[in-house]
C-alpha atoms as a PDB file:
ATOM      1  CA  MET A   1     -18.930 -25.650 -12.703  1.00  0.00           C
ATOM      2  CA  PHE A   2     -19.580 -23.189  -9.852  1.00  0.00           C
ATOM      3  CA  VAL A   3     -17.221 -20.791  -8.093  1.00  0.00           C
ATOM      4  CA  ARG A   4     -18.225 -22.362  -4.775  1.00  0.00           C
ATOM      5  CA  GLN A   5     -16.908 -25.765  -5.894  1.00  0.00           C
ATOM      6  CA  LEU A   6     -13.531 -24.207  -6.692  1.00  0.00           C
ATOM      7  CA  THR A   7     -13.569 -22.480  -3.309  1.00  0.00           C
ATOM      8  CA  TYR A   8     -14.167 -25.867  -1.661  1.00  0.00           C
ATOM      9  CA  LEU A   9     -11.230 -27.338  -3.547  1.00  0.00           C
ATOM     10  CA  VAL A  10      -8.796 -24.569  -2.552  1.00  0.00           C
ATOM     11  CA  ALA A  11      -9.987 -24.705   1.070  1.00  0.00           C
ATOM     12  CA  LEU A  12      -9.339 -28.456   1.130  1.00  0.00           C
ATOM     13  CA  SER A  13      -5.790 -27.898  -0.188  1.00  0.00           C
ATOM     14  CA  GLN A  14      -5.160 -25.388   2.625  1.00  0.00           C
ATOM     15  CA  HIS A  15      -6.621 -27.407   5.528  1.00  0.00           C
ATOM     16  CA  ARG A  16      -5.941 -30.965   4.275  1.00  0.00           C
ATOM     17  CA  HIS A  17      -9.047 -32.062   6.215  1.00  0.00           C
ATOM     18  CA  PHE A  18     -12.669 -32.253   5.011  1.00  0.00           C
ATOM     19  CA  ALA A  19     -14.310 -31.041   8.244  1.00  0.00           C
ATOM     20  CA  GLN A  20     -11.901 -28.090   8.684  1.00  0.00           C
ATOM     21  CA  ALA A  21     -12.272 -27.095   5.020  1.00  0.00           C
ATOM     22  CA  ALA A  22     -16.058 -27.193   5.359  1.00  0.00           C
ATOM     23  CA  GLU A  23     -15.927 -25.050   8.500  1.00  0.00           C
ATOM     24  CA  SER A  24     -13.744 -22.461   6.742  1.00  0.00           C
ATOM     25  CA  CYS A  25     -16.332 -22.286   3.924  1.00  0.00           C
ATOM     26  CA  ASN A  26     -19.255 -22.078   6.418  1.00  0.00           C
ATOM     27  CA  VAL A  27     -20.924 -25.212   5.045  1.00  0.00           C
ATOM     28  CA  SER A  28     -21.487 -28.722   6.366  1.00  0.00           C
ATOM     29  CA  GLN A  29     -18.999 -31.450   5.544  1.00  0.00           C
ATOM     30  CA  PRO A  30     -21.567 -33.406   3.475  1.00  0.00           C
ATOM     31  CA  ALA A  31     -22.287 -30.255   1.406  1.00  0.00           C
ATOM     32  CA  LEU A  32     -18.567 -29.732   0.762  1.00  0.00           C
ATOM     33  CA  SER A  33     -18.031 -33.379  -0.188  1.00  0.00           C
ATOM     34  CA  ALA A  34     -21.051 -33.358  -2.493  1.00  0.00           C
ATOM     35  CA  GLY A  35     -19.799 -30.191  -4.206  1.00  0.00           C
ATOM     36  CA  LEU A  36     -16.363 -31.709  -4.800  1.00  0.00           C
ATOM     37  CA  ARG A  37     -17.875 -34.942  -6.178  1.00  0.00           C
ATOM     38  CA  GLN A  38     -20.021 -32.867  -8.522  1.00  0.00           C
ATOM     39  CA  LEU A  39     -16.887 -31.043  -9.705  1.00  0.00           C
ATOM     40  CA  GLU A  40     -15.209 -34.381 -10.415  1.00  0.00           C
ATOM     41  CA  LYS A  41     -18.296 -35.543 -12.314  1.00  0.00           C
ATOM     42  CA  GLU A  42     -18.400 -32.399 -14.447  1.00  0.00           C
ATOM     43  CA  LEU A  43     -14.712 -32.654 -15.334  1.00  0.00           C
ATOM     44  CA  GLY A  44     -14.786 -36.430 -15.761  1.00  0.00           C
ATOM     45  CA  ILE A  45     -11.678 -37.066 -13.607  1.00  0.00           C
ATOM     46  CA  THR A  46     -10.803 -38.069 -10.062  1.00  0.00           C
ATOM     47  CA  ILE A  47      -9.406 -35.059  -8.221  1.00  0.00           C
ATOM     48  CA  ILE A  48      -9.171 -36.260  -4.618  1.00  0.00           C
ATOM     49  CA  ARG A  49      -7.757 -39.438  -3.121  1.00  0.00           C
ATOM     50  CA  ARG A  50     -10.227 -40.658  -0.504  1.00  0.00           C
ATOM     51  CA  ASP A  51     -10.219 -43.441   2.086  1.00  0.00           C
ATOM     52  CA  ARG A  52     -12.715 -42.190   4.681  1.00  0.00           C
ATOM     53  CA  ARG A  53     -10.382 -39.233   5.062  1.00  0.00           C
ATOM     54  CA  PHE A  54      -8.431 -36.861   2.807  1.00  0.00           C
ATOM     55  CA  ASN A  55      -5.369 -38.565   1.314  1.00  0.00           C
ATOM     56  CA  GLY A  56      -4.181 -35.864  -1.068  1.00  0.00           C
ATOM     57  CA  PHE A  57      -4.800 -35.007  -4.680  1.00  0.00           C
ATOM     58  CA  THR A  58      -4.318 -37.072  -7.792  1.00  0.00           C
ATOM     59  CA  PRO A  59      -1.877 -35.710 -10.440  1.00  0.00           C
ATOM     60  CA  GLU A  60      -4.911 -34.535 -12.413  1.00  0.00           C
ATOM     61  CA  GLY A  61      -6.278 -32.987  -9.262  1.00  0.00           C
ATOM     62  CA  GLU A  62      -3.094 -30.988  -8.677  1.00  0.00           C
ATOM     63  CA  ARG A  63      -3.480 -29.410 -12.125  1.00  0.00           C
ATOM     64  CA  VAL A  64      -7.146 -28.626 -11.482  1.00  0.00           C
ATOM     65  CA  LEU A  65      -6.138 -27.076  -8.149  1.00  0.00           C
ATOM     66  CA  LEU A  66      -3.645 -24.771  -9.894  1.00  0.00           C
ATOM     67  CA  TRP A  67      -6.370 -23.591 -12.292  1.00  0.00           C
ATOM     68  CA  ALA A  68      -8.813 -23.161  -9.431  1.00  0.00           C
ATOM     69  CA  ARG A  69      -6.406 -20.862  -7.589  1.00  0.00           C
ATOM     70  CA  GLN A  70      -5.828 -18.792 -10.721  1.00  0.00           C
ATOM     71  CA  MET A  71      -9.554 -18.531 -11.471  1.00  0.00           C
ATOM     72  CA  LEU A  72     -10.413 -17.485  -7.923  1.00  0.00           C
ATOM     73  CA  ALA A  73      -7.574 -14.928  -7.937  1.00  0.00           C
ATOM     74  CA  SER A  74      -8.921 -13.516 -11.211  1.00  0.00           C
ATOM     75  CA  LEU A  75     -12.409 -13.374  -9.753  1.00  0.00           C
ATOM     76  CA  ASP A  76     -11.070 -11.523  -6.702  1.00  0.00           C
ATOM     77  CA  SER A  77      -9.365  -9.031  -9.026  1.00  0.00           C
ATOM     78  CA  LEU A  78     -12.623  -8.558 -10.910  1.00  0.00           C
ATOM     79  CA  ARG A  79     -14.406  -7.798  -7.652  1.00  0.00           C
ATOM     80  CA  GLN A  80     -11.707  -5.307  -6.721  1.00  0.00           C
ATOM     81  CA  GLU A  81     -12.108  -3.586 -10.095  1.00  0.00           C
ATOM     82  CA  ALA A  82     -15.838  -3.321  -9.457  1.00  0.00           C
ATOM     83  CA  GLU A  83     -15.184  -1.809  -6.021  1.00  0.00           C
ATOM     84  CA  LEU A  84     -12.648   0.558  -7.493  1.00  0.00           C
ATOM     85  CA  SER A  85     -15.378   2.143  -9.586  1.00  0.00           C
ATOM     86  CA  LYS A  86     -16.941   3.209  -6.279  1.00  0.00           C
ATOM     87  CA  THR A  87     -13.894   3.960  -4.163  1.00  0.00           C
ATOM     88  CA  LEU A  88     -10.809   2.072  -3.029  1.00  0.00           C
ATOM     89  CA  SER A  89     -11.690   2.209   0.679  1.00  0.00           C
ATOM     90  CA  GLY A  90     -11.375  -1.450   1.622  1.00  0.00           C
ATOM     91  CA  GLY A  91     -10.394  -4.938   0.538  1.00  0.00           C
ATOM     92  CA  HIS A  92      -8.258  -7.846   1.664  1.00  0.00           C
ATOM     93  CA  LEU A  93      -4.494  -8.064   1.262  1.00  0.00           C
ATOM     94  CA  GLU A  94      -2.262 -11.044   2.167  1.00  0.00           C
ATOM     95  CA  LEU A  95       1.454 -10.436   2.845  1.00  0.00           C
ATOM     96  CA  GLY A  96       4.185 -12.985   3.448  1.00  0.00           C
ATOM     97  CA  VAL A  97       7.303 -11.551   5.109  1.00  0.00           C
ATOM     98  CA  VAL A  98      10.599 -12.909   6.404  1.00  0.00           C
ATOM     99  CA  PRO A  99      10.878 -12.658  10.223  1.00  0.00           C
ATOM    100  CA  SER A 100      13.735 -10.144  10.046  1.00  0.00           C
ATOM    101  CA  SER A 101      11.472  -7.562   8.354  1.00  0.00           C
ATOM    102  CA  LEU A 102       9.198  -7.123  11.396  1.00  0.00           C
ATOM    103  CA  GLN A 103       9.786  -3.377  11.849  1.00  0.00           C
ATOM    104  CA  ALA A 104       9.451  -2.606   8.128  1.00  0.00           C
ATOM    105  CA  SER A 105       6.297  -4.692   7.866  1.00  0.00           C
ATOM    106  CA  MET A 106       4.746  -2.791  10.758  1.00  0.00           C
ATOM    107  CA  LEU A 107       5.554   0.554   9.128  1.00  0.00           C
ATOM    108  CA  LEU A 108       4.055  -0.560   5.810  1.00  0.00           C
ATOM    109  CA  THR A 109       0.950  -1.902   7.510  1.00  0.00           C
ATOM    110  CA  ILE A 110       0.350   1.529   9.080  1.00  0.00           C
ATOM    111  CA  ALA A 111       0.864   3.234   5.687  1.00  0.00           C
ATOM    112  CA  TYR A 112      -1.559   0.833   3.915  1.00  0.00           C
ATOM    113  CA  ARG A 113      -4.243   1.398   6.517  1.00  0.00           C
ATOM    114  CA  ARG A 114      -3.929   5.174   6.117  1.00  0.00           C
ATOM    115  CA  ALA A 115      -4.297   4.867   2.345  1.00  0.00           C
ATOM    116  CA  VAL A 116      -7.084   2.278   2.461  1.00  0.00           C
ATOM    117  CA  PRO A 117      -8.956   2.796   5.784  1.00  0.00           C
ATOM    118  CA  GLU A 118     -11.100  -0.366   5.645  1.00  0.00           C
ATOM    119  CA  LEU A 119      -8.262  -2.622   4.536  1.00  0.00           C
ATOM    120  CA  ARG A 120      -8.189  -6.114   6.072  1.00  0.00           C
ATOM    121  CA  LEU A 121      -4.619  -7.337   6.172  1.00  0.00           C
ATOM    122  CA  GLY A 122      -3.184 -10.825   6.674  1.00  0.00           C
ATOM    123  CA  LEU A 123       0.466 -10.704   7.714  1.00  0.00           C
ATOM    124  CA  HIS A 124       2.385 -13.990   7.839  1.00  0.00           C
ATOM    125  CA  SER A 125       5.977 -14.597   8.991  1.00  0.00           C
ATOM    126  CA  LEU A 126       7.421 -17.139   6.544  1.00  0.00           C
ATOM    127  CA  SER A 127      10.587 -18.427   4.955  1.00  0.00           C
ATOM    128  CA  THR A 128      11.562 -17.036   1.543  1.00  0.00           C
ATOM    129  CA  ARG A 129      10.633 -20.343  -0.090  1.00  0.00           C
ATOM    130  CA  ALA A 130       7.164 -20.307   1.465  1.00  0.00           C
ATOM    131  CA  ILE A 131       6.651 -16.669   0.441  1.00  0.00           C
ATOM    132  CA  LEU A 132       7.496 -17.394  -3.197  1.00  0.00           C
ATOM    133  CA  GLN A 133       5.232 -20.445  -3.243  1.00  0.00           C
ATOM    134  CA  ARG A 134       2.295 -18.578  -1.730  1.00  0.00           C
ATOM    135  CA  VAL A 135       2.567 -15.661  -4.137  1.00  0.00           C
ATOM    136  CA  LYS A 136       2.851 -18.059  -7.113  1.00  0.00           C
ATOM    137  CA  ARG A 137      -0.261 -19.890  -5.924  1.00  0.00           C
ATOM    138  CA  HIS A 138      -2.174 -16.614  -5.401  1.00  0.00           C
ATOM    139  CA  GLU A 139      -2.369 -17.369  -1.659  1.00  0.00           C
ATOM    140  CA  ALA A 140      -0.474 -14.152  -0.917  1.00  0.00           C
ATOM    141  CA  HIS A 141      -0.512 -10.909  -2.870  1.00  0.00           C
ATOM    142  CA  LEU A 142       2.833  -9.434  -1.819  1.00  0.00           C
ATOM    143  CA  GLY A 143       6.021 -10.666  -0.168  1.00  0.00           C
ATOM    144  CA  ILE A 144       9.009  -9.159   1.614  1.00  0.00           C
ATOM    145  CA  THR A 145      12.316 -10.985   1.498  1.00  0.00           C
ATOM    146  CA  TYR A 146      15.959 -10.726   0.414  1.00  0.00           C
ATOM    147  CA  LEU A 147      16.445  -9.376  -3.105  1.00  0.00           C
ATOM    148  CA  ASP A 148      19.117 -11.928  -4.022  1.00  0.00           C
ATOM    149  CA  GLN A 149      16.668 -14.775  -3.315  1.00  0.00           C
ATOM    150  CA  ILE A 150      13.905 -13.567  -5.639  1.00  0.00           C
ATOM    151  CA  PRO A 151      13.728 -15.091  -9.175  1.00  0.00           C
ATOM    152  CA  GLN A 152      13.006 -11.887 -11.062  1.00  0.00           C
ATOM    153  CA  GLN A 153      11.767 -13.626 -14.186  1.00  0.00           C
ATOM    154  CA  ALA A 154       8.621 -14.608 -12.280  1.00  0.00           C
ATOM    155  CA  PHE A 155       8.280 -11.630  -9.920  1.00  0.00           C
ATOM    156  CA  GLU A 156       8.416  -7.853  -9.985  1.00  0.00           C
ATOM    157  CA  VAL A 157      10.546  -6.372  -7.220  1.00  0.00           C
ATOM    158  CA  GLN A 158      10.759  -3.073  -5.375  1.00  0.00           C
ATOM    159  CA  PRO A 159      13.889  -2.517  -3.204  1.00  0.00           C
ATOM    160  CA  LEU A 160      12.998  -1.383   0.316  1.00  0.00           C
ATOM    161  CA  TYR A 161      16.131  -1.022   2.474  1.00  0.00           C
ATOM    162  CA  THR A 162      19.528  -2.481   3.266  1.00  0.00           C
ATOM    163  CA  GLU A 163      19.693  -4.340   6.554  1.00  0.00           C
ATOM    164  CA  ARG A 164      21.788  -2.790   9.295  1.00  0.00           C
ATOM    165  CA  TYR A 165      23.193  -5.282  11.817  1.00  0.00           C
ATOM    166  CA  ILE A 166      23.465  -4.225  15.440  1.00  0.00           C
ATOM    167  CA  LEU A 167      24.553  -5.616  18.761  1.00  0.00           C
ATOM    168  CA  VAL A 168      21.691  -5.744  21.284  1.00  0.00           C
ATOM    169  CA  ALA A 169      22.569  -5.621  24.979  1.00  0.00           C
ATOM    170  CA  SER A 170      20.863  -5.248  28.338  1.00  0.00           C
ATOM    171  CA  ALA A 171      21.454  -2.039  30.289  1.00  0.00           C
ATOM    172  CA  ASN A 172      22.067  -4.375  33.247  1.00  0.00           C
ATOM    173  CA  ALA A 173      24.693  -6.497  31.503  1.00  0.00           C
ATOM    174  CA  GLY A 174      27.439  -5.345  33.857  1.00  0.00           C
ATOM    175  CA  GLN A 175      29.697  -3.636  31.331  1.00  0.00           C
ATOM    176  CA  THR A 176      29.462  -0.393  29.448  1.00  0.00           C
ATOM    177  CA  LEU A 177      29.727  -0.771  25.682  1.00  0.00           C
ATOM    178  CA  PRO A 178      30.613   2.042  23.241  1.00  0.00           C
ATOM    179  CA  PRO A 179      28.053   3.224  20.650  1.00  0.00           C
ATOM    180  CA  ALA A 180      29.898   1.203  17.967  1.00  0.00           C
ATOM    181  CA  LEU A 181      31.850  -2.049  18.101  1.00  0.00           C
ATOM    182  CA  ASP A 182      33.724  -4.043  15.517  1.00  0.00           C
ATOM    183  CA  TRP A 183      32.833  -7.659  14.816  1.00  0.00           C
ATOM    184  CA  LYS A 184      35.947  -8.909  16.641  1.00  0.00           C
ATOM    185  CA  ASP A 185      34.754  -7.284  19.886  1.00  0.00           C
ATOM    186  CA  ALA A 186      31.252  -8.703  19.442  1.00  0.00           C
ATOM    187  CA  ALA A 187      32.668 -12.206  18.929  1.00  0.00           C
ATOM    188  CA  GLN A 188      34.099 -12.187  22.479  1.00  0.00           C
ATOM    189  CA  LEU A 189      30.663 -11.746  24.064  1.00  0.00           C
ATOM    190  CA  PRO A 190      28.308 -14.629  24.947  1.00  0.00           C
ATOM    191  CA  LEU A 191      25.768 -14.524  22.126  1.00  0.00           C
ATOM    192  CA  CYS A 192      22.218 -15.681  21.503  1.00  0.00           C
ATOM    193  CA  LEU A 193      21.564 -15.718  17.760  1.00  0.00           C
ATOM    194  CA  PHE A 194      18.884 -16.697  15.273  1.00  0.00           C
ATOM    195  CA  GLY A 195      19.091 -20.304  14.041  1.00  0.00           C
ATOM    196  CA  ARG A 196      21.306 -21.290  11.133  1.00  0.00           C
ATOM    197  CA  GLU A 197      18.273 -22.000   8.923  1.00  0.00           C
ATOM    198  CA  MET A 198      17.612 -18.252   8.702  1.00  0.00           C
ATOM    199  CA  HIS A 199      19.189 -16.193   5.930  1.00  0.00           C
ATOM    200  CA  ASN A 200      20.203 -13.338   8.226  1.00  0.00           C
ATOM    201  CA  ARG A 201      22.209 -15.832  10.300  1.00  0.00           C
ATOM    202  CA  GLU A 202      24.202 -16.637   7.150  1.00  0.00           C
ATOM    203  CA  ILE A 203      25.018 -12.936   6.811  1.00  0.00           C
ATOM    204  CA  ILE A 204      26.062 -12.717  10.488  1.00  0.00           C
ATOM    205  CA  ASP A 205      28.313 -15.774  10.174  1.00  0.00           C
ATOM    206  CA  MET A 206      29.884 -14.354   7.042  1.00  0.00           C
ATOM    207  CA  ALA A 207      30.640 -11.061   8.823  1.00  0.00           C
ATOM    208  CA  PHE A 208      32.408 -12.893  11.645  1.00  0.00           C
ATOM    209  CA  ARG A 209      34.390 -14.992   9.159  1.00  0.00           C
ATOM    210  CA  GLN A 210      35.501 -11.888   7.283  1.00  0.00           C
ATOM    211  CA  ALA A 211      36.668 -10.447  10.617  1.00  0.00           C
ATOM    212  CA  GLY A 212      38.696 -13.638  11.126  1.00  0.00           C
ATOM    213  CA  VAL A 213      36.961 -14.650  14.352  1.00  0.00           C
ATOM    214  CA  THR A 214      34.639 -17.358  15.656  1.00  0.00           C
ATOM    215  CA  PRO A 215      31.785 -15.993  17.794  1.00  0.00           C
ATOM    216  CA  ARG A 216      30.821 -17.407  21.214  1.00  0.00           C
ATOM    217  CA  VAL A 217      27.329 -18.627  20.297  1.00  0.00           C
ATOM    218  CA  MET A 218      25.743 -19.986  23.466  1.00  0.00           C
ATOM    219  CA  VAL A 219      22.091 -20.211  22.358  1.00  0.00           C
ATOM    220  CA  GLU A 220      20.352 -20.463  18.974  1.00  0.00           C
ATOM    221  CA  THR A 221      16.640 -19.845  18.476  1.00  0.00           C
ATOM    222  CA  ASN A 222      14.153 -18.997  15.744  1.00  0.00           C
ATOM    223  CA  THR A 223      11.924 -16.807  17.941  1.00  0.00           C
ATOM    224  CA  ILE A 224      12.417 -13.112  18.666  1.00  0.00           C
ATOM    225  CA  SER A 225      10.792 -13.491  22.095  1.00  0.00           C
ATOM    226  CA  MET A 226      13.493 -15.929  23.206  1.00  0.00           C
ATOM    227  CA  LEU A 227      16.225 -13.575  22.004  1.00  0.00           C
ATOM    228  CA  TYR A 228      14.582 -10.767  23.980  1.00  0.00           C
ATOM    229  CA  ALA A 229      14.362 -12.856  27.138  1.00  0.00           C
ATOM    230  CA  MET A 230      18.000 -13.979  26.942  1.00  0.00           C
ATOM    231  CA  VAL A 231      19.270 -10.440  26.331  1.00  0.00           C
ATOM    232  CA  ARG A 232      17.086  -8.707  28.884  1.00  0.00           C
ATOM    233  CA  ASN A 233      18.312 -10.778  31.837  1.00  0.00           C
ATOM    234  CA  GLY A 234      21.838  -9.522  31.163  1.00  0.00           C
ATOM    235  CA  GLU A 235      23.383 -12.958  30.650  1.00  0.00           C
ATOM    236  CA  MET A 236      23.817 -12.725  26.881  1.00  0.00           C
ATOM    237  CA  TYR A 237      23.979 -10.397  23.911  1.00  0.00           C
ATOM    238  CA  SER A 238      22.564 -10.713  20.425  1.00  0.00           C
ATOM    239  CA  VAL A 239      23.337  -9.649  16.862  1.00  0.00           C
ATOM    240  CA  MET A 240      20.402  -9.060  14.562  1.00  0.00           C
ATOM    241  CA  PRO A 241      19.130  -6.752  11.829  1.00  0.00           C
ATOM    242  CA  LEU A 242      17.643  -3.527  13.162  1.00  0.00           C
ATOM    243  CA  SER A 243      14.577  -4.258  10.994  1.00  0.00           C
ATOM    244  CA  ALA A 244      13.902  -7.396  13.078  1.00  0.00           C
ATOM    245  CA  LEU A 245      13.476  -5.471  16.324  1.00  0.00           C
ATOM    246  CA  PRO A 246       9.918  -5.187  17.614  1.00  0.00           C
ATOM    247  CA  GLY A 247       8.956  -1.991  19.448  1.00  0.00           C
ATOM    248  CA  PHE A 248       9.101  -3.620  22.889  1.00  0.00           C
ATOM    249  CA  PHE A 249      12.828  -4.322  22.379  1.00  0.00           C
ATOM    250  CA  ILE A 250      13.644  -0.642  22.324  1.00  0.00           C
ATOM    251  CA  GLY A 251      13.650   1.039  25.723  1.00  0.00           C
ATOM    252  CA  ARG A 252      15.630   1.930  28.802  1.00  0.00           C
ATOM    253  CA  ASP A 253      16.536  -1.684  29.650  1.00  0.00           C
ATOM    254  CA  ILE A 254      17.909  -2.477  26.136  1.00  0.00           C
ATOM    255  CA  THR A 255      20.786  -0.751  24.380  1.00  0.00           C
ATOM    256  CA  LEU A 256      21.655  -0.846  20.657  1.00  0.00           C
ATOM    257  CA  HIS A 257      25.185  -0.611  19.276  1.00  0.00           C
ATOM    258  CA  ARG A 258      26.353  -0.272  15.686  1.00  0.00           C
ATOM    259  CA  LEU A 259      28.558  -3.062  14.327  1.00  0.00           C
ATOM    260  CA  GLU A 260      31.368  -1.977  11.994  1.00  0.00           C
ATOM    261  CA  PRO A 261      32.130  -2.484   9.213  1.00  0.00           C
ATOM    262  CA  ALA A 262      28.517  -2.548   8.094  1.00  0.00           C
ATOM    263  CA  HIS A 263      27.149  -5.775   6.656  1.00  0.00           C
ATOM    264  CA  GLY A 264      23.696  -6.355   5.298  1.00  0.00           C
ATOM    265  CA  ALA A 265      21.596  -7.596   2.417  1.00  0.00           C
ATOM    266  CA  LEU A 266      19.078  -5.642   0.344  1.00  0.00           C
ATOM    267  CA  VAL A 267      15.481  -6.417   1.271  1.00  0.00           C
ATOM    268  CA  ALA A 268      12.744  -6.004  -1.340  1.00  0.00           C
ATOM    269  CA  MET A 269       9.019  -6.333  -1.878  1.00  0.00           C
ATOM    270  CA  LEU A 270       7.819  -8.718  -4.562  1.00  0.00           C
ATOM    271  CA  ARG A 271       4.643  -9.369  -6.491  1.00  0.00           C
ATOM    272  CA  LEU A 272       3.767 -11.864  -9.223  1.00  0.00           C
ATOM    273  CA  ARG A 273       4.329 -10.699 -12.797  1.00  0.00           C
ATOM    274  CA  GLN A 274       0.908 -10.624 -14.503  1.00  0.00           C
ATOM    275  CA  SER A 275      -0.688  -8.729 -17.363  1.00  0.00           C
ATOM    276  CA  MET A 276      -3.523  -7.300 -15.260  1.00  0.00           C
ATOM    277  CA  MET A 277      -2.620  -6.142 -11.772  1.00  0.00           C
ATOM    278  CA  PRO A 278      -5.451  -6.082  -9.178  1.00  0.00           C
ATOM    279  CA  PRO A 279      -6.085  -2.480  -8.030  1.00  0.00           C
ATOM    280  CA  LEU A 280      -5.492  -3.172  -4.338  1.00  0.00           C
ATOM    281  CA  ILE A 281      -2.073  -4.700  -5.067  1.00  0.00           C
ATOM    282  CA  GLU A 282      -1.305  -1.733  -7.319  1.00  0.00           C
ATOM    283  CA  GLU A 283      -2.290   0.692  -4.565  1.00  0.00           C
ATOM    284  CA  ALA A 284      -0.147  -1.121  -1.955  1.00  0.00           C
ATOM    285  CA  TRP A 285       2.776  -1.109  -4.408  1.00  0.00           C
ATOM    286  CA  ARG A 286       2.369   2.653  -4.917  1.00  0.00           C
ATOM    287  CA  VAL A 287       2.140   3.369  -1.185  1.00  0.00           C
ATOM    288  CA  THR A 288       5.239   1.233  -0.567  1.00  0.00           C
ATOM    289  CA  ALA A 289       7.221   3.281  -3.056  1.00  0.00           C
ATOM    290  CA  GLU A 290       6.366   6.440  -1.135  1.00  0.00           C
ATOM    291  CA  GLN A 291       7.839   5.176   2.145  1.00  0.00           C
ATOM    292  CA  ASP A 292      11.414   5.994   3.236  1.00  0.00           C
ATOM    293  CA  LEU A 293      11.964   2.778   5.197  1.00  0.00           C
ATOM    294  CA  GLN A 294      15.748   3.113   5.090  1.00  0.00           C
ATOM    295  CA  GLY A 295      15.650   6.575   6.587  1.00  0.00           C
ATOM    296  CA  THR A 296      13.112   5.631   9.229  1.00  0.00           C
ATOM    297  CA  LEU A 297      15.083   2.579  10.388  1.00  0.00           C
ATOM    298  CA  ASP A 298      18.357   4.528  10.432  1.00  0.00           C
ATOM    299  CA  ARG A 299      16.785   7.255  12.571  1.00  0.00           C
ATOM    300  CA  VAL A 300      15.534   4.676  15.090  1.00  0.00           C
ATOM    301  CA  LEU A 301      19.079   3.384  15.529  1.00  0.00           C
ATOM    302  CA  GLU A 302      20.728   6.790  15.782  1.00  0.00           C
ATOM    303  CA  ASP A 303      18.121   8.164  18.190  1.00  0.00           C
ATOM    304  CA  GLU A 304      18.483   5.153  20.482  1.00  0.00           C
ATOM    305  CA  ILE A 305      22.302   5.292  20.433  1.00  0.00           C
ATOM    306  CA  HIS A 306      22.322   9.011  21.187  1.00  0.00           C
ATOM    307  CA  ALA A 307      19.797   8.559  24.028  1.00  0.00           C
ATOM    308  CA  VAL A 308      21.929   5.869  25.660  1.00  0.00           C
ATOM    309  CA  HIS A 309      25.131   7.905  25.172  1.00  0.00           C
ATOM    310  CA  ARG A 310      23.554  10.983  26.789  1.00  0.00           C
ATOM    311  CA  ALA A 311      22.271   8.939  29.718  1.00  0.00           C
ATOM    312  CA  SER A 312      25.737   7.521  30.381  1.00  0.00           C
END
């Protein structure tokens, strides 16, 4: 059994297509197919359902796939250990993050690159469920999501910050808003919010319910660019976590306003519990612990509110 055959198998599980899997492994499709048939022959089982095209894995194949992922992850850790004996100057790190952690993810990415200059980083915006699955399958090394959604028997966690929800408005909206509003005031405005499938929307809805009001939700979307477009033209407002705001949101045409009382969930980083931790994951974990994400995010909000207040 060769490492390359296991690589072929994992690539096929990711792409669900023989030609695309072969391309990702930089081999021809016949070479990939031959390698997978050889793996089946060595193990004495059928791994792949075939009918001229890929039709999924057999039950035995699913178990082999799980072992293949674990073995390749262990091999990657071994390579990292070998590199560590020289210097931890590079490597590859995969992160899965919930969309509302955009700002925090950006700050951590900068910190990782400073600590490991040649680091190659894959950053993926995913649901909590997808993050947990990818980390379990060794397809991602670290994840960022809500602490209350992480099964801590399987994962180690590191709290990062508590979300701070804000009202986002256009400077051209036609009315001057105070630096802070209560949820009842925000409910009267025409709102564009994240879709109900997102966890932060559940928190927003709960805050409005606790205030005893029903918000005027005019548009729902799962993309930050659509929220930005709707707010910027001055027709609507939005409520979102400060940590979800990309840099281009913050500027002279957009104003941020605190919502009181404060509501928000604790966001945390997670990694798979394992006896031997790969050095690159350990280094990223250490660098994360050194960051004051809460303080940085709070300063962004206060600086923006003060700037708008002075300008008015």
